[in-house]
Each structure stands twice: as structure tokens, then as C-alpha cells.
Amino acid sequence: MKKGNRLFTLLISIVSVLGFTTSIKACTTVLVGKKASADGAPLIARNEDLSKAWAKYFEVYPGTNNGPIQYVSQTTGMKLSLPKDAQRYTGTSDWQKEKGQQVFLEDGINASNVAMCATESTATNRKAMKADPFVKNGITEADMLPVVLPYISSAKQGVERMGQIVEQKGAVEPDGVIFSDKDSIWYMEIVSGHQWAAVRVPDDKAAVIPNQSMIGQINPKDSQNYLCSKGLVKLVKNKHLGGYDKGKVTIYKAFGTNNADDQEFNKPRTWDGQRILDSNKKQSITQSHFQMFVTPAKKVSVEEVAQILGSHFNGTKYNSWGEWKGGYRPINSPINVESHILEIRSNVPADYAALQWLCMASPATSVYVPFYTNINNTPSQYKIGTDKYDSKSAYWTYKETSVLIDSNKEKLDKKYVIPVQNKVNKQLRQNIKTDDQKAKTLSGQQLQDYLTNCNQQNADYAQNEFNKLNGQLITGIANEQQVVPNSNEQGK
């Protein structure tokens, strides 16, 4: 979710206090367990939806053994004690700071190869919010990565730290937060002011999660697969929130929503993602409930996760690039500002096992560039840009492609954008294989310098290819003629 993030935070706080149901229509999450993954690595991914023009940065934050001992949120005023020891981690922050503080870092991987994605905005029903209202000065999406990711060494530990903060400081809004390491994925839902629940994603399953509570029945006694706040079960039982059964709780029944908004904006995205994961699965876009976890028809690759995140009901009568029937909200949207796929591999040494695949602007018209995270700097073009066009900015290069094809999306995308995507994706995949081989021979500072340089080269290559594409599109549009692949073919 996001933006105007500061406005959203204020709005959510007001809405929560008044006791209304919140429903933010942004972002989509995809989770793939390691046994369902083509590369044998768990995958966590999400589109960050915000604005039609809003640059995102990719940065690395160094580790320290003498860090600040208190964090003060510039968005809510929350004060939180921090350990002095903090790990190196990456993040994709907003270009705009909040009173000098970088905010909405959204996704990253730390030195322990733990990935974190925050957040998938969800919704809490009126009765649950009345039972445990959200707070004005608690934890919010803007601040989550910096106060959690540097201090955890496993996905489960991430849930526990995040949960402790929610219980002690309270939450401003309902959110889904995801953690992964090389062995597991944990999906967590902050469901009210001080309550939360989390489920370990089954290794052979996948999930597509919209802005809606999706966690089913949890068993607090089974801590290997479920975690929750200390007061959750008691609150659900005593306040008669629904979903309680002999010490177990069905989270979406107790805290979630099931209304017209969900039918239009949320459930269709789950339907779309699940049909891509398993084309033989027969479901209706209008059905009232979707199971959170599905078994994919085949092993799921990074490319297939990218396909889901770039989907606008492709190949169906609901295609939002054609005649948009039904008014359903697609996964791919004009307000995508960045998309990420976080992968912790187990088939290579830990020093270069983590990959943060980043796609700026729309996944449908951009590419996911793989970035190693054991680095000391990030590509220069991923640290510039605002809400105004900047030809050097990575975000704006890929946003330009999306804008240029807007007049004739279907034709220009299929004929020109997709071939470039395929070419770049193939080369980037090959680059990772080649770079991995060289990385085997390096260690320490030499390895970190090498991986940092690899990231810059991959960023340059992909951006250059899309700059060429954008030039072809501009030329064709200016001449009011069919766009051609290169200038040598003009006049033939």
C-alpha cells in the first residue's frame, strides 16, 4: 500500500478512531514455498502501488555495532528502543523523506539472508476494530523495515520481533507483513490495534494475496506453523468476533471483511493469480471466498511470479487493457511504482545467495533486474528521481515505456515491449549464472566489491535496452506511423 502515504496514515488513524472499516485498494502479494519453486528457493513478492508518478530508490544501509538506541518515527511520533548492533540491509525507500527520515523502505534483505516485505495493506471489520482500536502513535508501514530487518536472523524471528512491537506500541493500520529465509516463509497479519497472527507457508504451496485478510484457522499450540499475539484468542472468544472453535481461530472470519469492495477490488486479483498458478483450477471471479494456499500445477519460476504481478486479467474477458468488463481491479495497475521478488537461494554459498529482483514502475512494461544484496553501494540510477521526469532515473526510464504505449497498449506491448523484455530477461539470467561462477573464487571485501559492480552492470544494461526501446516508440509516435524495431528498417 501507499500514498499519499502521510495522508493515508492520517486518514487511517481517523477512520480507526471512528470505528469504520478500513479498506485500502493497493498492492498484491505472491508467495511461493521452496518445494513449489522452480529453483528450490522460497519466493516472496509484491507490487507496491502508490501513484502514477513517484520515484522509488534502492539503497543499502551499512551494519554497525554502535547504532542509535532509540528510533523516533517522523510519521507517527512512535518511540522505540533499538539494539546497538544492527546488520547491513537493503531497502526501497520513497524518494521523499519525512523530516529528514527515509520512509517506506518496503522490501529488503539483511546480512543474515532474511528477507522482509512490508506491507500488504489489509482491512479489519468494524466489530473487531471496536474491540481493539488502532492507535495514532504506533507502528506503521513507513517505519517497519528499519526497526525490524537489521535485528533478525530468521523469518520466524522477524514475526516475533514485529509482533512484540505491535503488542507494546500498537498498530496504526491493518497490514500484511512477509518474512523469508532459505528454508521458510512466514506471512503475518496485523489485524487490530494490538493483535496479530502469522502462518508458516507450506513448502509445496503458493498464495496470491490482495488487500484482504486471508489467514484461515490457526492453532496457537502449534508454534511450528502458527504464531499470534498473546491476547488474540481471548479477545476473539470474549468479544464474539466469530471464527472461534475450541482454542483455534479462523483469522479472516474474526477480523476480515467480505463486502462489495472486496468483490470488486480484492477477490478478482486472487482469482487471476490462482488461475495463472493452476490453469486447471475452476473458480469463478465472483465467488465469495478463496483458499489462501494453492498447489501450483508446476514448479513456479521467478518469471512466472513476474507474470502474475504484471497481470491485468490477460487472456480473459476481464482484460483491463481491452474492453474492461465487470470493473474488477487488476493486479497490474497504472499506480505500480515498484515491484520486487525476494529470493534466498540454497544452491550457492550464503555470501551471494540473496537476490533482490527489482522492477521499477509497471511489471507489465518493465523488467526485474536481479541485485545481489551483499554489497556496499547500489546502482547510481536507483538513487535519483522525484515525482518529476528525470531521464537518468531508473524509475523514470521504465515509467516512460509505460506512458508511451498507453495510446495502443495491446499492439505496442505485444509487438515491441515483450520482445525486449524477453531479450533482457534472458541476458540477466545468464549474467547471474556467469557472475555466480566468478563469485565462487572471491571472499570478503573483494566479493562485496565484485557483487556491487555486477549490480551496476546489470542496471546499466537493462536501462540502456529500455532507453533504446523508448526512442523507437517516440520516433514511431512522432511520425504517426507504425513503430519499427530499428532505423535501418524504415522506408523498406
Protein backbone atom coordinates (compact mmCIF):
# COMPACT_ATOMS: atom_id res chain seq x y z
CA MET A 1 0.00 0.00 0.00
CA LYS A 2 0.89 3.61 -0.06
CA LYS A 3 0.42 7.23 -0.85
CA GLY A 4 -0.06 9.89 -0.23
CA ASN A 5 1.39 7.78 2.48
CA ARG A 6 1.38 10.54 5.00
CA LEU A 7 -2.23 11.28 4.09
CA PHE A 8 -3.09 7.59 4.24
CA THR A 9 -1.62 7.28 7.72
CA LEU A 10 -3.62 10.25 8.95
CA LEU A 11 -6.78 9.01 7.25
CA ILE A 12 -6.42 5.51 8.63
CA SER A 13 -5.86 6.87 12.13
CA ILE A 14 -9.03 8.96 11.92
CA VAL A 15 -11.05 6.13 10.41
CA SER A 16 -9.81 3.71 13.06
CA VAL A 17 -10.73 6.01 15.89
CA LEU A 18 -14.22 6.49 14.45
CA GLY A 19 -14.65 2.74 14.20
CA PHE A 20 -15.21 2.37 10.46
CA THR A 21 -13.95 -0.48 8.31
CA THR A 22 -10.70 0.34 6.53
CA SER A 23 -10.04 -0.92 3.03
CA ILE A 24 -7.03 0.27 1.06
CA LYS A 25 -7.14 -0.74 -2.59
CA ALA A 26 -3.46 -1.18 -3.42
CA CYS A 27 -0.65 -3.78 -3.64
CA THR A 28 -0.74 -7.51 -4.36
CA THR A 29 1.47 -10.19 -2.74
CA VAL A 30 2.69 -13.51 -4.18
CA LEU A 31 4.28 -16.24 -2.03
CA VAL A 32 5.89 -19.46 -3.28
CA GLY A 33 7.19 -22.17 -0.93
CA LYS A 34 10.60 -23.70 -1.64
CA LYS A 35 9.20 -27.04 -2.84
CA ALA A 36 6.82 -25.22 -5.18
CA SER A 37 9.64 -23.06 -6.57
CA ALA A 38 11.46 -23.95 -9.79
CA ASP A 39 14.83 -23.00 -8.28
CA GLY A 40 14.12 -24.62 -4.91
CA ALA A 41 14.19 -21.24 -3.16
CA PRO A 42 11.23 -19.65 -1.37
CA LEU A 43 9.97 -16.54 -3.16
CA ILE A 44 8.18 -13.57 -1.64
CA ALA A 45 6.98 -10.83 -3.96
CA ARG A 46 4.73 -7.79 -4.08
CA ASN A 47 3.66 -4.86 -6.22
CA GLU A 48 3.94 -1.57 -4.37
CA ASP A 49 1.06 0.59 -5.52
CA LEU A 50 1.04 4.30 -4.91
CA SER A 51 0.96 6.84 -7.69
CA LYS A 52 1.30 7.33 -11.43
CA ALA A 53 4.47 9.33 -10.82
CA TRP A 54 6.58 8.61 -7.74
CA ALA A 55 10.22 7.51 -7.90
CA LYS A 56 11.49 4.78 -5.62
CA TYR A 57 15.12 4.30 -4.56
CA PHE A 58 17.15 1.14 -3.95
CA GLU A 59 19.74 1.61 -1.23
CA VAL A 60 21.95 -0.36 1.14
CA TYR A 61 22.26 0.54 4.82
CA PRO A 62 25.55 -0.50 6.48
CA GLY A 63 25.74 -2.58 9.61
CA THR A 64 27.00 -1.14 12.88
CA ASN A 65 27.85 -2.24 16.42
CA ASN A 66 27.22 1.21 17.82
CA GLY A 67 23.91 2.26 16.31
CA PRO A 68 21.20 4.55 17.70
CA ILE A 69 19.45 3.14 20.74
CA GLN A 70 16.13 4.83 20.01
CA TYR A 71 14.03 5.19 16.90
CA VAL A 72 11.57 8.07 16.65
CA SER A 73 9.03 7.85 13.85
CA GLN A 74 8.61 11.09 11.94
CA THR A 75 5.22 9.90 10.68
CA THR A 76 3.52 8.92 13.95
CA GLY A 77 5.86 10.01 16.77
CA MET A 78 6.34 6.41 17.98
CA LYS A 79 9.47 5.94 20.09
CA LEU A 80 11.15 2.53 20.13
CA SER A 81 14.29 1.24 21.84
CA LEU A 82 16.78 -0.41 19.48
CA PRO A 83 19.75 -2.76 19.99
CA LYS A 84 23.16 -1.19 19.35
CA ASP A 85 24.11 -3.97 16.94
CA ALA A 86 22.43 -3.65 13.56
CA GLN A 87 23.04 -5.71 10.41
CA ARG A 88 23.53 -4.42 6.91
CA TYR A 89 20.28 -4.45 4.94
CA THR A 90 18.76 -3.17 1.73
CA GLY A 91 15.55 -1.23 1.16
CA THR A 92 13.49 0.55 -1.50
CA SER A 93 12.61 3.88 0.07
CA ASP A 94 10.44 6.74 -1.15
CA TRP A 95 12.39 9.49 -2.89
CA GLN A 96 10.83 11.98 -0.48
CA LYS A 97 11.99 11.92 3.13
CA GLU A 98 9.81 12.65 6.13
CA LYS A 99 11.55 15.41 8.13
CA GLY A 100 14.91 14.01 7.02
CA GLN A 101 13.96 10.39 7.73
CA GLN A 102 13.84 7.83 4.94
CA VAL A 103 10.45 6.15 4.98
CA PHE A 104 8.52 3.34 3.33
CA LEU A 105 11.53 1.14 2.63
CA GLU A 106 9.05 -1.61 1.66
CA ASP A 107 11.34 -4.57 0.93
CA GLY A 108 14.87 -5.71 1.65
CA ILE A 109 17.30 -8.43 2.65
CA ASN A 110 19.73 -8.33 5.58
CA ALA A 111 23.22 -9.76 6.15
CA SER A 112 21.71 -12.94 7.63
CA ASN A 113 19.87 -13.53 4.34
CA VAL A 114 16.48 -12.82 5.83
CA ALA A 115 14.05 -11.06 3.51
CA MET A 116 11.26 -8.75 4.62
CA CYS A 117 8.38 -7.24 2.66
CA ALA A 118 6.12 -4.64 4.28
CA THR A 119 3.31 -4.15 3.71
CA GLU A 120 0.27 -5.65 2.06
CA SER A 121 -2.44 -3.32 3.32
CA THR A 122 -5.43 -5.30 4.56
CA ALA A 123 -8.76 -4.44 6.17
CA THR A 124 -10.36 -5.01 9.57
CA ASN A 125 -14.08 -5.22 10.18
CA ARG A 126 -15.98 -2.74 12.32
CA LYS A 127 -16.66 -5.11 15.23
CA ALA A 128 -13.01 -6.15 15.59
CA MET A 129 -11.80 -2.55 15.48
CA LYS A 130 -14.24 -1.62 18.20
CA ALA A 131 -12.91 -4.49 20.33
CA ASP A 132 -9.29 -3.38 19.87
CA PRO A 133 -8.98 0.00 18.10
CA PHE A 134 -5.97 1.02 16.07
CA VAL A 135 -3.76 3.69 17.64
CA LYS A 136 -2.45 7.04 16.41
CA ASN A 137 1.14 6.79 17.61
CA GLY A 138 2.01 3.16 16.93
CA ILE A 139 3.92 1.25 14.29
CA THR A 140 3.04 1.92 10.67
CA GLU A 141 4.25 0.77 7.26
CA ALA A 142 6.53 3.79 6.93
CA ASP A 143 8.79 2.60 9.76
CA MET A 144 8.71 -1.20 9.73
CA LEU A 145 11.87 -2.23 7.87
CA PRO A 146 14.36 -0.05 9.80
CA VAL A 147 13.12 -1.25 13.21
CA VAL A 148 12.87 -4.95 12.34
CA LEU A 149 15.07 -6.13 9.46
CA PRO A 150 18.51 -5.14 10.88
CA TYR A 151 17.84 -7.11 14.07
CA ILE A 152 16.64 -10.56 12.97
CA SER A 153 18.37 -13.77 11.87
CA SER A 154 15.42 -15.87 10.67
CA ALA A 155 11.99 -15.41 9.14
CA LYS A 156 10.25 -16.64 12.30
CA GLN A 157 12.28 -14.25 14.42
CA GLY A 158 11.05 -11.46 12.17
CA VAL A 159 7.44 -12.29 13.01
CA GLU A 160 8.26 -12.41 16.71
CA ARG A 161 10.00 -9.02 16.71
CA MET A 162 7.30 -7.38 14.63
CA GLY A 163 4.64 -8.92 16.87
CA GLN A 164 6.32 -7.67 20.01
CA ILE A 165 6.33 -4.12 18.65
CA VAL A 166 2.63 -4.33 17.74
CA GLU A 167 1.71 -5.59 21.22
CA GLN A 168 3.82 -2.99 23.03
CA LYS A 169 3.38 0.09 20.84
CA GLY A 170 0.16 -0.67 18.99
CA ALA A 171 -0.52 -0.53 15.26
CA VAL A 172 -1.84 2.39 13.23
CA GLU A 173 -3.34 0.25 10.47
CA PRO A 174 -4.10 -3.34 9.40
CA ASP A 175 -1.22 -4.79 7.38
CA GLY A 176 0.23 -7.99 5.99
CA VAL A 177 3.99 -8.43 6.56
CA ILE A 178 6.12 -11.15 4.97
CA PHE A 179 9.42 -12.70 6.06
CA SER A 180 11.53 -15.40 4.41
CA ASP A 181 14.87 -17.14 4.74
CA LYS A 182 16.35 -20.02 2.75
CA ASP A 183 14.08 -22.53 4.46
CA SER A 184 10.73 -20.88 5.07
CA ILE A 185 8.20 -18.11 4.52
CA TRP A 186 6.06 -16.60 7.27
CA TYR A 187 3.04 -14.45 6.43
CA MET A 188 1.82 -12.18 9.23
CA GLU A 189 -1.36 -10.13 9.52
CA ILE A 190 -1.68 -7.20 11.91
CA VAL A 191 -5.42 -7.39 12.45
CA SER A 192 -6.23 -4.79 15.12
CA GLY A 193 -4.61 -2.24 17.41
CA HIS A 194 -2.57 -4.81 19.36
CA GLN A 195 -3.39 -8.21 17.82
CA TRP A 196 -1.65 -10.17 15.09
CA ALA A 197 -1.43 -13.67 13.65
CA ALA A 198 1.06 -15.45 11.39
CA VAL A 199 1.23 -18.68 9.41
CA ARG A 200 4.21 -20.56 8.00
CA VAL A 201 3.63 -21.02 4.29
CA PRO A 202 3.60 -24.75 3.44
CA ASP A 203 6.70 -25.56 1.36
CA ASP A 204 4.68 -27.03 -1.52
CA LYS A 205 2.10 -24.22 -1.69
CA ALA A 206 1.73 -20.77 -3.18
CA ALA A 207 -0.53 -17.82 -2.41
CA VAL A 208 -1.80 -14.65 -4.10
CA ILE A 209 -2.92 -12.11 -1.52
CA PRO A 210 -4.87 -8.87 -2.20
CA ASN A 211 -5.77 -6.16 0.33
CA GLN A 212 -7.80 -8.51 2.46
CA SER A 213 -7.28 -10.78 5.46
CA MET A 214 -6.54 -14.26 4.09
CA ILE A 215 -5.23 -16.33 7.01
CA GLY A 216 -7.54 -19.22 7.83
CA GLN A 217 -7.69 -21.26 11.02
CA ILE A 218 -4.65 -21.06 13.28
CA ASN A 219 -3.73 -23.33 16.17
CA PRO A 220 -1.71 -21.32 18.73
CA LYS A 221 -0.44 -24.56 20.28
CA ASP A 222 1.34 -25.45 17.03
CA SER A 223 4.16 -22.89 17.14
CA GLN A 224 6.00 -24.59 14.28
CA ASN A 225 3.32 -23.42 11.87
CA TYR A 226 1.36 -20.65 13.63
CA LEU A 227 2.12 -17.67 15.83
CA CYS A 228 -0.16 -15.00 17.28
CA SER A 229 -0.36 -12.25 19.88
CA LYS A 230 -0.88 -13.32 23.47
CA GLY A 231 -4.36 -11.84 23.74
CA LEU A 232 -5.77 -12.76 20.34
CA VAL A 233 -7.67 -15.94 21.20
CA LYS A 234 -9.14 -14.44 24.36
CA LEU A 235 -10.24 -11.29 22.52
CA VAL A 236 -11.96 -13.27 19.75
CA LYS A 237 -13.75 -15.52 22.24
CA ASN A 238 -14.81 -12.85 24.72
CA LYS A 239 -15.90 -10.28 22.13
CA HIS A 240 -17.68 -12.89 19.98
CA LEU A 241 -15.82 -11.84 16.86
CA GLY A 242 -16.50 -15.10 15.02
CA GLY A 243 -14.22 -17.89 13.86
CA TYR A 244 -13.52 -19.27 17.36
CA ASP A 245 -13.51 -23.05 17.80
CA LYS A 246 -12.04 -24.82 20.82
CA GLY A 247 -8.98 -22.63 21.21
CA LYS A 248 -8.43 -22.18 17.48
CA VAL A 249 -9.31 -19.07 15.48
CA THR A 250 -10.12 -18.51 11.81
CA ILE A 251 -8.49 -15.13 11.32
CA TYR A 252 -10.34 -13.87 8.25
CA LYS A 253 -13.67 -14.65 9.92
CA ALA A 254 -12.77 -12.88 13.16
CA PHE A 255 -11.04 -9.81 11.75
CA GLY A 256 -11.51 -9.67 7.99
CA THR A 257 -14.08 -8.19 5.65
CA ASN A 258 -16.36 -9.65 2.98
CA ASN A 259 -18.14 -6.82 1.25
CA ALA A 260 -18.75 -5.19 -2.13
CA ASP A 261 -15.31 -3.56 -2.07
CA ASP A 262 -13.69 -6.95 -1.65
CA GLN A 263 -15.75 -8.36 -4.51
CA GLU A 264 -14.62 -5.62 -6.86
CA PHE A 265 -11.08 -4.84 -5.74
CA ASN A 266 -9.69 -7.84 -3.87
CA LYS A 267 -11.08 -11.24 -4.76
CA PRO A 268 -10.66 -10.80 -8.53
CA ARG A 269 -6.90 -10.45 -8.04
CA THR A 270 -6.72 -13.70 -6.09
CA TRP A 271 -8.78 -15.36 -8.83
CA ASP A 272 -6.43 -14.04 -11.52
CA GLY A 273 -3.26 -15.11 -9.73
CA GLN A 274 -4.55 -18.55 -8.84
CA ARG A 275 -5.66 -19.25 -12.44
CA ILE A 276 -2.09 -18.48 -13.57
CA LEU A 277 -0.64 -20.81 -10.93
CA ASP A 278 -3.04 -23.57 -11.97
CA SER A 279 -4.96 -23.13 -15.22
CA ASN A 280 -6.93 -26.31 -14.49
CA LYS A 281 -8.37 -24.86 -11.29
CA LYS A 282 -12.00 -24.00 -11.99
CA GLN A 283 -13.15 -21.00 -9.97
CA SER A 284 -15.42 -18.03 -10.50
CA ILE A 285 -14.20 -14.45 -10.25
CA THR A 286 -17.37 -13.71 -8.28
CA GLN A 287 -17.13 -16.49 -5.71
CA SER A 288 -17.38 -15.42 -2.07
CA HIS A 289 -14.18 -16.99 -0.72
CA PHE A 290 -10.81 -18.22 -1.98
CA GLN A 291 -8.50 -20.51 -0.04
CA MET A 292 -5.25 -18.77 0.81
CA PHE A 293 -2.94 -21.59 -0.32
CA VAL A 294 -3.00 -23.47 -3.62
CA THR A 295 -0.82 -26.20 -5.10
CA PRO A 296 0.66 -24.89 -8.37
CA ALA A 297 0.23 -27.07 -11.46
CA LYS A 298 4.01 -26.92 -11.99
CA LYS A 299 7.09 -25.51 -10.28
CA VAL A 300 6.94 -21.72 -10.18
CA SER A 301 9.85 -19.67 -11.52
CA VAL A 302 10.80 -16.04 -10.90
CA GLU A 303 9.49 -15.32 -14.39
CA GLU A 304 6.09 -16.79 -13.56
CA VAL A 305 5.86 -14.73 -10.39
CA ALA A 306 6.63 -11.71 -12.58
CA GLN A 307 3.83 -12.80 -14.93
CA ILE A 308 1.36 -12.78 -12.05
CA LEU A 309 2.48 -9.36 -10.81
CA GLY A 310 2.17 -7.96 -14.33
CA SER A 311 -1.24 -9.47 -15.00
CA HIS A 312 -4.24 -7.36 -15.94
CA PHE A 313 -6.53 -10.36 -16.50
CA ASN A 314 -4.53 -11.20 -19.64
CA GLY A 315 -6.30 -13.65 -21.92
CA THR A 316 -9.67 -13.27 -20.21
CA LYS A 317 -12.77 -11.24 -20.94
CA TYR A 318 -11.87 -9.03 -17.97
CA ASN A 319 -8.63 -7.81 -19.62
CA SER A 320 -8.24 -4.21 -18.43
CA TRP A 321 -6.11 -3.36 -21.48
CA GLY A 322 -9.00 -4.23 -23.75
CA GLU A 323 -12.70 -3.97 -23.01
CA TRP A 324 -12.75 -3.91 -19.22
CA LYS A 325 -15.84 -5.92 -18.29
CA GLY A 326 -17.02 -6.00 -14.72
CA GLY A 327 -14.86 -3.16 -13.43
CA TYR A 328 -12.64 -5.54 -11.47
CA ARG A 329 -9.34 -4.25 -10.12
CA PRO A 330 -6.36 -5.96 -11.82
CA ILE A 331 -3.04 -6.91 -10.21
CA ASN A 332 -1.15 -4.71 -12.66
CA SER A 333 -2.17 -1.09 -12.33
CA PRO A 334 -1.06 2.38 -13.52
CA ILE A 335 -0.17 3.18 -9.92
CA ASN A 336 2.52 0.45 -9.60
CA VAL A 337 5.70 2.27 -8.53
CA GLU A 338 7.95 -0.72 -7.92
CA SER A 339 7.67 -4.47 -7.72
CA HIS A 340 10.02 -6.93 -6.07
CA ILE A 341 10.75 -10.64 -5.87
CA LEU A 342 12.98 -11.61 -2.96
CA GLU A 343 14.88 -14.88 -3.37
CA ILE A 344 17.18 -16.60 -0.87
CA ARG A 345 18.92 -19.39 -2.74
CA SER A 346 20.30 -22.53 -1.11
CA ASN A 347 22.24 -23.90 -4.12
CA VAL A 348 25.06 -21.34 -3.85
CA PRO A 349 27.17 -20.11 -0.91
CA ALA A 350 25.39 -17.82 1.54
CA ASP A 351 27.67 -14.85 0.73
CA TYR A 352 25.92 -14.36 -2.60
CA ALA A 353 22.74 -16.40 -2.18
CA ALA A 354 20.35 -13.47 -1.75
CA LEU A 355 18.83 -11.80 -4.80
CA GLN A 356 16.52 -8.80 -4.72
CA TRP A 357 14.78 -8.72 -8.10
CA LEU A 358 13.57 -5.15 -8.59
CA CYS A 359 11.19 -3.86 -11.21
CA MET A 360 10.59 -0.12 -11.37
CA ALA A 361 7.18 1.20 -12.42
CA SER A 362 4.82 -1.32 -14.03
CA PRO A 363 5.76 -5.04 -14.14
CA ALA A 364 3.78 -5.33 -17.38
CA THR A 365 6.12 -2.98 -19.24
CA SER A 366 9.37 -3.24 -17.27
CA VAL A 367 11.86 -5.93 -16.19
CA TYR A 368 13.00 -7.41 -12.89
CA VAL A 369 16.70 -6.69 -12.50
CA PRO A 370 18.45 -9.13 -10.12
CA PHE A 371 20.55 -7.41 -7.45
CA TYR A 372 22.90 -9.15 -5.04
CA THR A 373 22.47 -7.79 -1.52
CA ASN A 374 25.94 -8.45 -0.05
CA ILE A 375 27.02 -5.05 -1.35
CA ASN A 376 28.45 -1.71 -0.24
CA ASN A 377 26.56 0.51 -2.70
CA THR A 378 23.66 0.44 -5.12
CA PRO A 379 23.43 1.46 -8.80
CA SER A 380 23.54 5.24 -9.22
CA GLN A 381 20.34 5.42 -11.29
CA TYR A 382 18.40 3.81 -8.44
CA LYS A 383 19.19 6.69 -6.08
CA ILE A 384 17.79 9.57 -8.13
CA GLY A 385 14.40 10.79 -9.28
CA THR A 386 11.37 12.51 -7.77
CA ASP A 387 7.77 12.92 -8.87
CA LYS A 388 9.04 14.83 -11.94
CA TYR A 389 10.54 13.22 -15.05
CA ASP A 390 14.29 12.55 -14.93
CA SER A 391 15.87 10.77 -17.92
CA LYS A 392 18.73 9.40 -15.78
CA SER A 393 16.47 7.82 -13.15
CA ALA A 394 15.81 4.06 -13.40
CA TYR A 395 12.24 4.57 -12.25
CA TRP A 396 11.53 7.18 -14.91
CA THR A 397 13.10 5.17 -17.74
CA TYR A 398 10.70 2.29 -17.11
CA LYS A 399 7.79 4.60 -16.38
CA GLU A 400 8.40 6.26 -19.74
CA THR A 401 7.85 2.93 -21.52
CA SER A 402 4.52 2.50 -19.78
CA VAL A 403 3.41 6.02 -20.71
CA LEU A 404 4.49 5.70 -24.33
CA ILE A 405 2.44 2.60 -25.07
CA ASP A 406 -0.66 3.95 -23.36
CA SER A 407 -2.27 5.04 -26.63
CA ASN A 408 -2.26 1.49 -28.04
CA LYS A 409 -1.30 -0.88 -25.24
CA GLU A 410 -2.18 -4.25 -26.72
CA LYS A 411 -0.48 -3.71 -30.09
CA LEU A 412 2.67 -1.94 -28.89
CA ASP A 413 3.17 -4.22 -25.92
CA LYS A 414 2.95 -7.48 -27.83
CA LYS A 415 4.97 -6.36 -30.82
CA TYR A 416 7.71 -4.28 -29.21
CA VAL A 417 7.82 -4.31 -25.41
CA ILE A 418 7.53 -8.06 -24.83
CA PRO A 419 10.40 -8.94 -27.23
CA VAL A 420 12.68 -6.50 -25.39
CA GLN A 421 11.57 -7.88 -22.03
CA ASN A 422 12.34 -11.42 -23.18
CA LYS A 423 15.75 -10.44 -24.50
CA VAL A 424 16.71 -8.56 -21.34
CA ASN A 425 15.37 -11.22 -19.00
CA LYS A 426 17.34 -13.93 -20.82
CA GLN A 427 20.56 -11.92 -20.66
CA LEU A 428 20.11 -11.04 -16.97
CA ARG A 429 19.55 -14.71 -16.13
CA GLN A 430 22.76 -15.58 -17.97
CA ASN A 431 24.61 -12.76 -16.22
CA ILE A 432 23.67 -14.17 -12.81
CA LYS A 433 25.00 -17.61 -13.78
CA THR A 434 28.26 -16.09 -15.01
CA ASP A 435 28.60 -13.79 -12.01
CA ASP A 436 27.93 -16.67 -9.60
CA GLN A 437 30.83 -18.61 -11.13
CA LYS A 438 33.26 -15.73 -10.60
CA ALA A 439 31.89 -15.11 -7.10
CA LYS A 440 32.97 -18.64 -6.10
CA THR A 441 36.59 -17.53 -6.30
CA LEU A 442 36.20 -14.45 -4.11
CA SER A 443 35.54 -13.65 -0.46
CA GLY A 444 35.30 -10.77 1.99
CA GLN A 445 35.72 -7.25 0.67
CA GLN A 446 36.74 -8.46 -2.80
CA LEU A 447 33.50 -10.39 -3.13
CA GLN A 448 31.38 -7.49 -1.89
CA ASP A 449 33.06 -5.08 -4.32
CA TYR A 450 32.55 -7.55 -7.16
CA LEU A 451 28.85 -8.06 -6.42
CA THR A 452 28.35 -4.30 -6.15
CA ASN A 453 29.90 -3.89 -9.60
CA CYS A 454 27.77 -6.71 -11.03
CA ASN A 455 24.65 -4.89 -9.87
CA GLN A 456 25.73 -1.68 -11.58
CA GLN A 457 26.44 -3.51 -14.83
CA ASN A 458 23.06 -5.27 -14.81
CA ALA A 459 21.29 -2.00 -14.03
CA ASP A 460 23.12 -0.24 -16.87
CA TYR A 461 22.42 -2.99 -19.38
CA ALA A 462 18.68 -3.19 -18.68
CA GLN A 463 18.21 0.58 -18.62
CA ASN A 464 20.13 1.05 -21.87
CA GLU A 465 17.96 -1.50 -23.64
CA PHE A 466 14.81 0.24 -22.47
CA ASN A 467 16.16 3.64 -23.45
CA LYS A 468 16.58 2.25 -26.98
CA LEU A 469 13.04 0.91 -26.89
CA ASN A 470 11.69 4.25 -25.70
CA GLY A 471 13.48 6.01 -28.55
CA GLN A 472 11.85 3.70 -31.09
CA LEU A 473 8.44 4.29 -29.57
CA ILE A 474 8.87 8.07 -29.54
CA THR A 475 10.03 8.11 -33.16
CA GLY A 476 7.11 6.00 -34.32
CA ILE A 477 4.55 8.08 -32.45
CA ALA A 478 6.06 11.36 -33.70
CA ASN A 479 5.93 10.18 -37.30
CA GLU A 480 2.41 8.83 -36.86
CA GLN A 481 3.43 5.59 -38.45
CA GLN A 482 3.92 2.02 -37.34
CA VAL A 483 6.78 1.70 -34.90
CA VAL A 484 9.69 -0.24 -36.38
CA PRO A 485 12.35 -2.22 -34.42
CA ASN A 486 15.25 -0.07 -35.66
CA SER A 487 16.02 2.82 -38.02
CA ASN A 488 17.57 0.58 -40.70
CA GLU A 489 14.16 -0.88 -41.48
CA GLN A 490 12.45 2.46 -42.11
CA GLY A 491 11.40 3.05 -45.72
CA LYS A 492 11.59 -0.61 -46.70
